[in-house]
C-alpha atoms as a PDB file:
ATOM      1  CA  UNK A   1      11.018  20.765 -33.029  1.00  0.00           C
ATOM      2  CA  UNK A   2       7.332  20.732 -33.948  1.00  0.00           C
ATOM      3  CA  UNK A   3       5.368  23.914 -33.629  1.00  0.00           C
ATOM      4  CA  UNK A   4       2.062  23.483 -31.765  1.00  0.00           C
ATOM      5  CA  UNK A   5      -0.964  25.251 -33.171  1.00  0.00           C
ATOM      6  CA  UNK A   6      -3.157  27.228 -30.836  1.00  0.00           C
ATOM      7  CA  UNK A   7      -5.608  24.372 -30.178  1.00  0.00           C
ATOM      8  CA  UNK A   8      -2.792  21.868 -29.459  1.00  0.00           C
ATOM      9  CA  UNK A   9      -0.906  24.243 -27.200  1.00  0.00           C
ATOM     10  CA  UNK A  10      -4.130  24.931 -25.172  1.00  0.00           C
ATOM     11  CA  UNK A  11      -4.850  21.159 -24.924  1.00  0.00           C
ATOM     12  CA  UNK A  12      -1.244  20.570 -23.867  1.00  0.00           C
ATOM     13  CA  UNK A  13      -1.581  23.177 -21.116  1.00  0.00           C
ATOM     14  CA  UNK A  14      -4.938  21.694 -19.851  1.00  0.00           C
ATOM     15  CA  UNK A  15      -3.483  18.221 -19.832  1.00  0.00           C
ATOM     16  CA  UNK A  16      -0.503  19.320 -17.717  1.00  0.00           C
ATOM     17  CA  UNK A  17      -2.890  21.040 -15.287  1.00  0.00           C
ATOM     18  CA  UNK A  18      -5.159  17.998 -15.183  1.00  0.00           C
ATOM     19  CA  UNK A  19      -2.368  15.649 -14.291  1.00  0.00           C
ATOM     20  CA  UNK A  20      -2.867  13.394 -17.288  1.00  0.00           C
ATOM     21  CA  UNK A  21      -0.347  12.319 -19.934  1.00  0.00           C
ATOM     22  CA  UNK A  22       1.191  14.721 -22.241  1.00  0.00           C
ATOM     23  CA  UNK A  23       1.310  13.603 -25.891  1.00  0.00           C
ATOM     24  CA  UNK A  24       4.444  14.381 -27.791  1.00  0.00           C
ATOM     25  CA  UNK A  25       4.594  14.278 -31.589  1.00  0.00           C
ATOM     26  CA  UNK A  26       1.836  14.786 -34.157  1.00  0.00           C
ATOM     27  CA  UNK A  27      -1.729  14.252 -33.105  1.00  0.00           C
ATOM     28  CA  UNK A  28      -3.817  11.208 -34.101  1.00  0.00           C
ATOM     29  CA  UNK A  29      -5.489  13.226 -36.944  1.00  0.00           C
ATOM     30  CA  UNK A  30      -2.153  12.980 -38.763  1.00  0.00           C
ATOM     31  CA  UNK A  31      -1.961   9.181 -38.249  1.00  0.00           C
ATOM     32  CA  UNK A  32       1.334   9.409 -36.538  1.00  0.00           C
ATOM     33  CA  UNK A  33       2.278   7.463 -33.423  1.00  0.00           C
ATOM     34  CA  UNK A  34       2.317   9.542 -30.249  1.00  0.00           C
ATOM     35  CA  UNK A  35       4.224   8.812 -27.031  1.00  0.00           C
ATOM     36  CA  UNK A  36       2.490   9.464 -23.710  1.00  0.00           C
ATOM     37  CA  UNK A  37       4.712  10.993 -21.033  1.00  0.00           C
ATOM     38  CA  UNK A  38       3.404  11.471 -17.495  1.00  0.00           C
ATOM     39  CA  UNK A  39       2.897  15.015 -16.380  1.00  0.00           C
ATOM     40  CA  UNK A  40       4.447  14.633 -12.887  1.00  0.00           C
ATOM     41  CA  UNK A  41       4.139  17.601 -10.597  1.00  0.00           C
ATOM     42  CA  UNK A  42       2.901  16.204  -7.266  1.00  0.00           C
ATOM     43  CA  UNK A  43       4.814  15.916  -4.001  1.00  0.00           C
ATOM     44  CA  UNK A  44       3.960  12.801  -2.010  1.00  0.00           C
ATOM     45  CA  UNK A  45       5.399  11.622   1.269  1.00  0.00           C
ATOM     46  CA  UNK A  46       4.472   8.491   3.222  1.00  0.00           C
ATOM     47  CA  UNK A  47       3.601   9.374   6.848  1.00  0.00           C
ATOM     48  CA  UNK A  48       2.350   6.285   8.731  1.00  0.00           C
ATOM     49  CA  UNK A  49       0.563   2.900   8.532  1.00  0.00           C
ATOM     50  CA  UNK A  50      -2.972   3.052   9.972  1.00  0.00           C
ATOM     51  CA  UNK A  51      -5.380   0.133  10.002  1.00  0.00           C
ATOM     52  CA  UNK A  52      -7.655  -1.768   7.573  1.00  0.00           C
ATOM     53  CA  UNK A  53      -5.314  -1.342   4.597  1.00  0.00           C
ATOM     54  CA  UNK A  54      -4.986   2.352   5.181  1.00  0.00           C
ATOM     55  CA  UNK A  55      -1.828   4.482   5.113  1.00  0.00           C
ATOM     56  CA  UNK A  56      -1.404   8.169   5.878  1.00  0.00           C
ATOM     57  CA  UNK A  57       0.082  10.344   3.145  1.00  0.00           C
ATOM     58  CA  UNK A  58       1.151  13.927   2.874  1.00  0.00           C
ATOM     59  CA  UNK A  59       0.214  15.182  -0.628  1.00  0.00           C
ATOM     60  CA  UNK A  60       0.494  18.475  -2.459  1.00  0.00           C
ATOM     61  CA  UNK A  61       0.391  19.655  -6.062  1.00  0.00           C
ATOM     62  CA  UNK A  62      -0.411  22.967  -7.782  1.00  0.00           C
ATOM     63  CA  UNK A  63      -3.907  21.928  -9.039  1.00  0.00           C
ATOM     64  CA  UNK A  64      -5.437  19.657  -6.437  1.00  0.00           C
ATOM     65  CA  UNK A  65      -4.131  21.295  -3.279  1.00  0.00           C
ATOM     66  CA  UNK A  66      -2.380  20.157  -0.145  1.00  0.00           C
ATOM     67  CA  UNK A  67      -3.461  17.315   2.129  1.00  0.00           C
ATOM     68  CA  UNK A  68      -1.620  16.622   5.360  1.00  0.00           C
ATOM     69  CA  UNK A  69      -2.060  13.047   6.711  1.00  0.00           C
ATOM     70  CA  UNK A  70      -4.583  12.121   4.023  1.00  0.00           C
ATOM     71  CA  UNK A  71      -5.775   8.494   4.194  1.00  0.00           C
ATOM     72  CA  UNK A  72      -5.094   6.258   1.221  1.00  0.00           C
ATOM     73  CA  UNK A  73      -6.506   2.742   0.892  1.00  0.00           C
ATOM     74  CA  UNK A  74      -4.877  -0.293  -0.613  1.00  0.00           C
ATOM     75  CA  UNK A  75      -6.963  -1.572  -3.435  1.00  0.00           C
ATOM     76  CA  UNK A  76      -6.850  -3.112  -6.947  1.00  0.00           C
ATOM     77  CA  UNK A  77      -6.519  -0.818 -10.000  1.00  0.00           C
ATOM     78  CA  UNK A  78      -9.690  -0.879 -12.126  1.00  0.00           C
ATOM     79  CA  UNK A  79      -8.119   1.085 -14.991  1.00  0.00           C
ATOM     80  CA  UNK A  80      -4.663   1.924 -16.395  1.00  0.00           C
ATOM     81  CA  UNK A  81      -2.802   4.950 -15.097  1.00  0.00           C
ATOM     82  CA  UNK A  82       0.479   6.434 -13.983  1.00  0.00           C
ATOM     83  CA  UNK A  83       2.020   6.028 -10.551  1.00  0.00           C
ATOM     84  CA  UNK A  84       2.216   9.431  -8.867  1.00  0.00           C
ATOM     85  CA  UNK A  85       5.388   8.496  -7.022  1.00  0.00           C
ATOM     86  CA  UNK A  86       7.517   6.785  -9.657  1.00  0.00           C
ATOM     87  CA  UNK A  87       5.810   7.590 -13.008  1.00  0.00           C
ATOM     88  CA  UNK A  88       5.556   3.867 -13.787  1.00  0.00           C
ATOM     89  CA  UNK A  89       2.631   2.470 -15.644  1.00  0.00           C
ATOM     90  CA  UNK A  90      -0.257   1.094 -13.627  1.00  0.00           C
ATOM     91  CA  UNK A  91      -2.113  -1.714 -15.245  1.00  0.00           C
ATOM     92  CA  UNK A  92      -5.585  -3.036 -14.417  1.00  0.00           C
ATOM     93  CA  UNK A  93      -5.272  -5.544 -11.498  1.00  0.00           C
ATOM     94  CA  UNK A  94      -2.154  -3.922  -9.917  1.00  0.00           C
ATOM     95  CA  UNK A  95      -2.237  -3.273  -6.217  1.00  0.00           C
ATOM     96  CA  UNK A  96      -2.328   0.415  -5.664  1.00  0.00           C
ATOM     97  CA  UNK A  97      -2.991   3.021  -2.984  1.00  0.00           C
ATOM     98  CA  UNK A  98      -5.449   5.763  -3.738  1.00  0.00           C
ATOM     99  CA  UNK A  99      -7.107   8.519  -1.677  1.00  0.00           C
ATOM    100  CA  UNK A 100      -9.810   7.246   0.577  1.00  0.00           C
ATOM    101  CA  UNK A 101     -12.895   9.433   1.181  1.00  0.00           C
ATOM    102  CA  UNK A 102     -16.435   9.221   2.316  1.00  0.00           C
ATOM    103  CA  UNK A 103     -18.631  11.833   0.743  1.00  0.00           C
ATOM    104  CA  UNK A 104     -17.111  14.435  -1.599  1.00  0.00           C
ATOM    105  CA  UNK A 105     -14.060  13.218  -3.479  1.00  0.00           C
ATOM    106  CA  UNK A 106     -10.789  15.157  -2.835  1.00  0.00           C
ATOM    107  CA  UNK A 107      -9.034  17.023  -5.579  1.00  0.00           C
ATOM    108  CA  UNK A 108      -6.444  14.217  -5.954  1.00  0.00           C
ATOM    109  CA  UNK A 109      -9.071  11.386  -6.051  1.00  0.00           C
ATOM    110  CA  UNK A 110      -7.864  10.218  -9.530  1.00  0.00           C
ATOM    111  CA  UNK A 111      -4.229   9.795  -8.478  1.00  0.00           C
ATOM    112  CA  UNK A 112      -2.734   6.424  -7.388  1.00  0.00           C
ATOM    113  CA  UNK A 113       0.602   4.982  -6.239  1.00  0.00           C
ATOM    114  CA  UNK A 114       1.757   1.455  -6.921  1.00  0.00           C
ATOM    115  CA  UNK A 115       1.810  -0.534  -3.765  1.00  0.00           C
ATOM    116  CA  UNK A 116       5.271  -1.934  -4.833  1.00  0.00           C
ATOM    117  CA  UNK A 117       6.582   1.629  -4.837  1.00  0.00           C
ATOM    118  CA  UNK A 118       6.039   1.909  -1.116  1.00  0.00           C
ATOM    119  CA  UNK A 119       7.788  -0.223   1.464  1.00  0.00           C
ATOM    120  CA  UNK A 120       4.747  -0.580   3.701  1.00  0.00           C
ATOM    121  CA  UNK A 121       4.041  -3.453   6.149  1.00  0.00           C
ATOM    122  CA  UNK A 122       0.314  -3.314   6.760  1.00  0.00           C
ATOM    123  CA  UNK A 123       0.454  -6.185   9.314  1.00  0.00           C
ATOM    124  CA  UNK A 124       1.912  -3.716  11.812  1.00  0.00           C
END
């Protein structure tokens, strides 16, 4: 098992808290390949289908808080990411649900769920 130096351990902790990917192995400065592993810690539950490509979701995690019946909108992914529900890779162009807001962004604004991971019929 590799020992983490103080800087790497701190970065590892911040990455876990930030909901990003955790890198295992040596860092890029050592020219080694690193594997990204999603730092999953959120609880997500589908609540209801609303209208206009919106669904209602109950969300909680230790760093971004708790949202009851938060609205998430169906959209197209503009960047790569990790599905909060399954841990699967999200590619640009995938259909995803993400928190919908007007005004200030919620604490979980950067999270997304693959539409294929939810069995949702938006036609009602």
